[in-house]
Each structure stands twice: as structure tokens, then as C-alpha cells.
Amino acid sequence: MSTGGGVLARLGHALNRALPGLRSLLPKPVKRWILLRVLEVNRDYESFADLASRRFLEHDVLPWLRETCPRILFVGTGPYTVHYEKLFARTPHQYVTIDSDPAVAVWGARDHIVAQVQEIGRHRPDGHFDAVVLNGVFGFGVDDPPTMRAVAAALHAALRPGGRLVLGWNSDVHAAPEELGVLDEHFAPDRDSPWGFRRTFPGEFHVNDFYVRRA
């Protein structure tokens, strides 16, 4: 059964990428239903729900940002992030997503931007956002320190003064951001967040850091 599900999931991902014209003809809820319920594209990510780091993001961090930050940018979308939009059902304008891959726009928020995060300044004015969630991007697509610094500069511009950056990274993929020196110019550790500057998870390599935008 699991093998068949894996085949369906791979087929679903392939069809989603290969048929952009068909995707544009279907309403987003219908596309999501087909991909999730029929083609089971989320099967490969089922284990995510059991991770303490993922539960922390979903049940603690995002609700905290929802209550404290009027405009939030979430970087990177996938079938495992689609339900985050429900947290902002009453205020959909509050939650914006961005991803450079057009094929994953189906998983984005109502307000979704197809672009690299370094290009956010082309789509929103400086100081537009109160918070940015950059989870699992450094080391997974943004892999080298110069590009990390470019992302940090773009997010600094996109955030209002004192805006928050929630950074999720994996200690088995690269050194800590402060060791790499990729954020120091633009962000300072937020030791006043509900969890302090850094949150780690026993048995996981994933780390969450909390920063505030420098003036």
C-alpha cells in the first residue's frame, strides 16, 4: 500500500509540474483536493507532523505571530504547509507566502508571490512586513553564505524597524548563522521572544532562532 502511495505521489508531483495550463484552469481548492486526496502528494511528508520542531512552528510560533504581527511573510510552500493558511482564515490579508517555484503556488496563501525571496522588494515596498518566517530555506536552496547574506539584506528591507525574523535551520547542514556571519549586519538576536533567542529539539537537528531587525 505504501509503495502504491509513493508512486501516486510522484505522479502527482510530476503532473503538477508538467501541466501548468491545466493547473490554471482549475480552482485552487480543486487542485489541492486532487493532489492531496487522489494523488496523495503529501504522503512523503507525513512524518513531518510528528516532529517536535514542526509542532512548535504550527502550534506556538505561527499563532504567536498571528496575534502580534499584522503582516507576515512565510518563505517557501509545499503540501506540508498548506494548512497554515487556516490559522489566518479570519484575516487572510495578514499572511503572505513566497516561493520561486511556480508549481508550488497551489500550496501558497491567497496572497502568494512567485519569486525568489531576494526579490521581495520588487513585490512589496520597504518596511511592509512585521515578521518573516524563513524555515528550512538556509541550507535547502539558499546554500552558500553570500546568498544567505543577500537574503538577509532583502528581508531587512522588507521588514519594518524592529520587525521579527523567525529562522529555522538544521545543524547537520551548516554551521550556526552567527558563526557564518550572515545575519549580523541586519539582525540582532531577539532574547525577548517567548522562547528566548534559540529553541532546540531533542533528537532533531532542526533549530529555531529568533531575531529582530536592526535599525
Protein backbone atom coordinates (compact mmCIF):
# COMPACT_ATOMS: atom_id res chain seq x y z
CA MET A 1 0.00 0.00 0.00
CA SER A 2 2.75 2.47 0.88
CA THR A 3 4.57 1.71 -2.37
CA GLY A 4 1.48 2.47 -4.38
CA GLY A 5 1.02 5.69 -2.45
CA GLY A 6 4.57 6.68 -3.23
CA VAL A 7 4.00 6.06 -6.93
CA LEU A 8 0.86 8.17 -6.85
CA ALA A 9 2.67 10.93 -5.01
CA ARG A 10 5.48 11.01 -7.57
CA LEU A 11 2.92 11.01 -10.37
CA GLY A 12 1.06 13.87 -8.70
CA HIS A 13 4.20 15.99 -8.37
CA ALA A 14 5.12 15.26 -11.99
CA LEU A 15 1.67 16.17 -13.29
CA ASN A 16 1.59 19.34 -11.20
CA ARG A 17 4.84 20.48 -12.80
CA ALA A 18 4.14 19.26 -16.32
CA LEU A 19 0.67 20.71 -16.84
CA PRO A 20 0.70 24.41 -15.95
CA GLY A 21 -2.14 25.08 -18.36
CA LEU A 22 -4.37 22.54 -16.66
CA ARG A 23 -3.44 23.95 -13.25
CA SER A 24 -4.54 27.41 -14.31
CA LEU A 25 -7.98 26.13 -15.39
CA LEU A 26 -8.82 24.54 -12.05
CA PRO A 27 -9.74 26.49 -8.92
CA LYS A 28 -7.09 26.22 -6.20
CA PRO A 29 -9.30 24.18 -3.80
CA VAL A 30 -9.97 21.64 -6.55
CA LYS A 31 -6.28 21.35 -7.43
CA ARG A 32 -5.40 20.87 -3.79
CA TRP A 33 -8.07 18.21 -3.33
CA ILE A 34 -6.86 16.22 -6.35
CA LEU A 35 -3.20 16.45 -5.33
CA LEU A 36 -3.81 15.63 -1.67
CA ARG A 37 -6.73 13.20 -1.73
CA VAL A 38 -6.36 11.45 -5.08
CA LEU A 39 -2.65 11.60 -5.87
CA GLU A 40 -1.52 11.69 -2.22
CA VAL A 41 1.38 14.05 -2.81
CA ASN A 42 1.64 14.67 0.93
CA ARG A 43 2.47 11.04 1.70
CA ASP A 44 6.21 11.68 1.60
CA TYR A 45 5.80 14.37 4.28
CA GLU A 46 3.53 12.54 6.74
CA SER A 47 6.41 12.15 9.21
CA PHE A 48 6.71 15.95 9.46
CA ALA A 49 3.59 16.08 11.63
CA ASP A 50 5.34 14.02 14.32
CA LEU A 51 8.37 16.29 14.60
CA ALA A 52 8.51 18.45 17.72
CA SER A 53 10.01 21.28 15.65
CA ARG A 54 7.10 21.19 13.22
CA ARG A 55 4.53 21.14 16.02
CA PHE A 56 6.32 24.08 17.62
CA LEU A 57 6.09 26.08 14.40
CA GLU A 58 2.43 25.26 13.84
CA HIS A 59 1.07 25.42 17.39
CA ASP A 60 3.28 28.04 19.02
CA VAL A 61 5.20 30.27 16.61
CA LEU A 62 2.56 30.96 13.96
CA PRO A 63 -0.25 31.64 16.48
CA TRP A 64 2.10 33.99 18.37
CA LEU A 65 2.90 35.89 15.17
CA ARG A 66 -0.77 35.99 14.23
CA GLU A 67 -1.56 37.77 17.49
CA THR A 68 1.38 40.18 17.44
CA CYS A 69 2.23 40.94 13.79
CA PRO A 70 -0.27 42.47 11.32
CA ARG A 71 1.69 41.43 8.21
CA ILE A 72 3.61 38.16 7.99
CA LEU A 73 5.71 36.77 5.13
CA PHE A 74 6.20 32.99 5.05
CA VAL A 75 9.01 31.84 2.76
CA GLY A 76 8.65 28.50 0.95
CA THR A 77 5.49 26.48 0.32
CA GLY A 78 4.65 22.80 -0.06
CA PRO A 79 1.86 20.33 0.62
CA TYR A 80 3.00 20.22 4.25
CA THR A 81 2.45 24.00 4.69
CA VAL A 82 -0.96 24.31 3.04
CA HIS A 83 -2.92 24.11 6.31
CA TYR A 84 -1.05 27.08 7.82
CA GLU A 85 -3.38 29.32 5.85
CA LYS A 86 -6.27 28.18 8.08
CA LEU A 87 -4.63 29.90 11.04
CA PHE A 88 -5.31 33.18 9.25
CA ALA A 89 -8.80 32.39 7.98
CA ARG A 90 -10.27 35.47 9.67
CA THR A 91 -7.51 37.78 8.43
CA PRO A 92 -6.21 36.31 5.13
CA HIS A 93 -4.52 39.61 4.22
CA GLN A 94 -2.23 39.09 7.23
CA TYR A 95 -0.46 36.06 5.76
CA VAL A 96 1.60 36.23 2.55
CA THR A 97 3.67 33.40 1.06
CA ILE A 98 6.54 33.46 -1.42
CA ASP A 99 8.28 30.72 -3.41
CA SER A 100 10.30 30.83 -6.62
CA ASP A 101 8.79 27.59 -8.00
CA PRO A 102 5.52 28.25 -9.89
CA ALA A 103 4.49 24.62 -9.43
CA VAL A 104 4.13 25.02 -5.66
CA ALA A 105 1.96 28.15 -5.85
CA VAL A 106 -1.02 25.82 -5.35
CA TRP A 107 0.11 25.43 -1.73
CA GLY A 108 0.53 29.16 -1.16
CA ALA A 109 -1.73 31.63 0.61
CA ARG A 110 -4.46 33.62 -1.07
CA ASP A 111 -1.79 36.31 -1.39
CA HIS A 112 1.11 34.36 -2.88
CA ILE A 113 4.19 35.70 -4.67
CA VAL A 114 6.09 33.65 -7.25
CA ALA A 115 9.66 34.94 -6.91
CA GLN A 116 12.93 34.35 -5.14
CA VAL A 117 12.87 35.76 -1.65
CA GLN A 118 15.78 38.06 -2.59
CA GLU A 119 13.33 39.75 -4.98
CA ILE A 120 10.69 40.59 -2.38
CA GLY A 121 11.46 44.28 -2.85
CA ARG A 122 10.02 44.10 -6.37
CA HIS A 123 6.66 42.97 -4.99
CA ARG A 124 6.24 44.86 -1.70
CA PRO A 125 7.51 48.25 -0.51
CA ASP A 126 10.27 48.53 2.06
CA GLY A 127 9.11 48.09 5.64
CA HIS A 128 5.91 46.34 4.58
CA PHE A 129 6.12 43.29 6.86
CA ASP A 130 6.13 42.95 10.63
CA ALA A 131 7.53 39.40 10.62
CA VAL A 132 9.17 36.89 8.29
CA VAL A 133 9.29 33.13 8.76
CA LEU A 134 12.32 31.65 6.99
CA ASN A 135 12.12 27.98 7.91
CA GLY A 136 14.20 25.33 6.16
CA VAL A 137 15.48 27.69 3.46
CA PHE A 138 19.09 28.23 4.55
CA GLY A 139 20.87 25.04 3.57
CA PHE A 140 17.96 23.86 1.42
CA GLY A 141 18.03 26.06 -1.67
CA VAL A 142 19.91 29.00 -0.20
CA ASP A 143 23.13 27.14 0.41
CA ASP A 144 26.11 29.50 0.43
CA PRO A 145 26.98 32.40 2.75
CA PRO A 146 26.93 35.11 0.03
CA THR A 147 23.38 34.16 -0.96
CA MET A 148 22.36 33.94 2.69
CA ARG A 149 23.64 37.49 3.18
CA ALA A 150 21.67 38.65 0.13
CA VAL A 151 18.52 37.11 1.57
CA ALA A 152 19.20 38.77 4.94
CA ALA A 153 19.61 42.16 3.24
CA ALA A 154 16.36 41.73 1.30
CA LEU A 155 14.42 40.72 4.41
CA HIS A 156 15.90 43.62 6.38
CA ALA A 157 14.50 45.96 3.75
CA ALA A 158 11.13 44.19 3.67
CA LEU A 159 10.65 44.39 7.45
CA ARG A 160 9.65 47.45 9.45
CA PRO A 161 12.14 48.66 12.08
CA GLY A 162 12.05 46.18 14.94
CA GLY A 163 10.34 43.56 12.79
CA ARG A 164 10.82 39.91 13.66
CA LEU A 165 12.66 37.16 11.78
CA VAL A 166 11.97 33.52 12.70
CA LEU A 167 14.78 31.43 11.26
CA GLY A 168 14.66 27.64 11.06
CA TRP A 169 17.87 25.84 10.11
CA ASN A 170 19.49 22.40 10.50
CA SER A 171 22.71 21.98 12.44
CA ASP A 172 23.71 18.93 10.36
CA VAL A 173 23.61 21.01 7.15
CA HIS A 174 25.60 24.13 8.02
CA ALA A 175 27.12 25.99 10.96
CA ALA A 176 25.06 28.33 13.10
CA PRO A 177 24.18 31.59 11.30
CA GLU A 178 26.15 33.63 13.84
CA GLU A 179 29.23 31.54 13.08
CA LEU A 180 28.74 32.11 9.36
CA GLY A 181 28.20 35.82 9.98
CA VAL A 182 25.34 36.01 7.50
CA LEU A 183 22.83 37.93 9.64
CA ASP A 184 24.93 40.14 11.92
CA GLU A 185 24.74 43.26 9.76
CA HIS A 186 20.96 43.27 9.57
CA PHE A 187 19.54 41.37 12.55
CA ALA A 188 20.11 41.06 16.29
CA PRO A 189 19.14 38.10 18.49
CA ASP A 190 15.67 38.51 19.99
CA ARG A 191 16.13 37.36 23.55
CA ASP A 192 12.72 38.78 24.49
CA SER A 193 10.70 36.35 22.38
CA PRO A 194 8.57 33.91 24.41
CA TRP A 195 11.29 31.30 23.87
CA GLY A 196 14.41 33.44 24.02
CA PHE A 197 16.87 33.54 21.15
CA ARG A 198 17.21 29.84 20.35
CA ARG A 199 14.93 26.82 20.58
CA THR A 200 16.34 23.31 20.01
CA PHE A 201 14.54 19.98 19.93
CA PRO A 202 15.86 16.75 21.50
CA GLY A 203 16.64 14.14 18.86
CA GLU A 204 16.43 16.65 16.00
CA PHE A 205 18.97 18.69 14.07
CA HIS A 206 16.43 21.44 13.49
CA VAL A 207 16.92 24.74 15.33
CA ASN A 208 14.70 27.81 15.57
CA ASP A 209 16.31 31.20 16.13
CA PHE A 210 14.51 34.47 16.78
CA TYR A 211 15.85 37.79 15.54
CA VAL A 212 14.79 41.43 15.37
CA ARG A 213 15.59 43.82 12.55
CA ARG A 214 18.39 46.25 13.25
CA ALA A 215 17.68 49.92 12.62
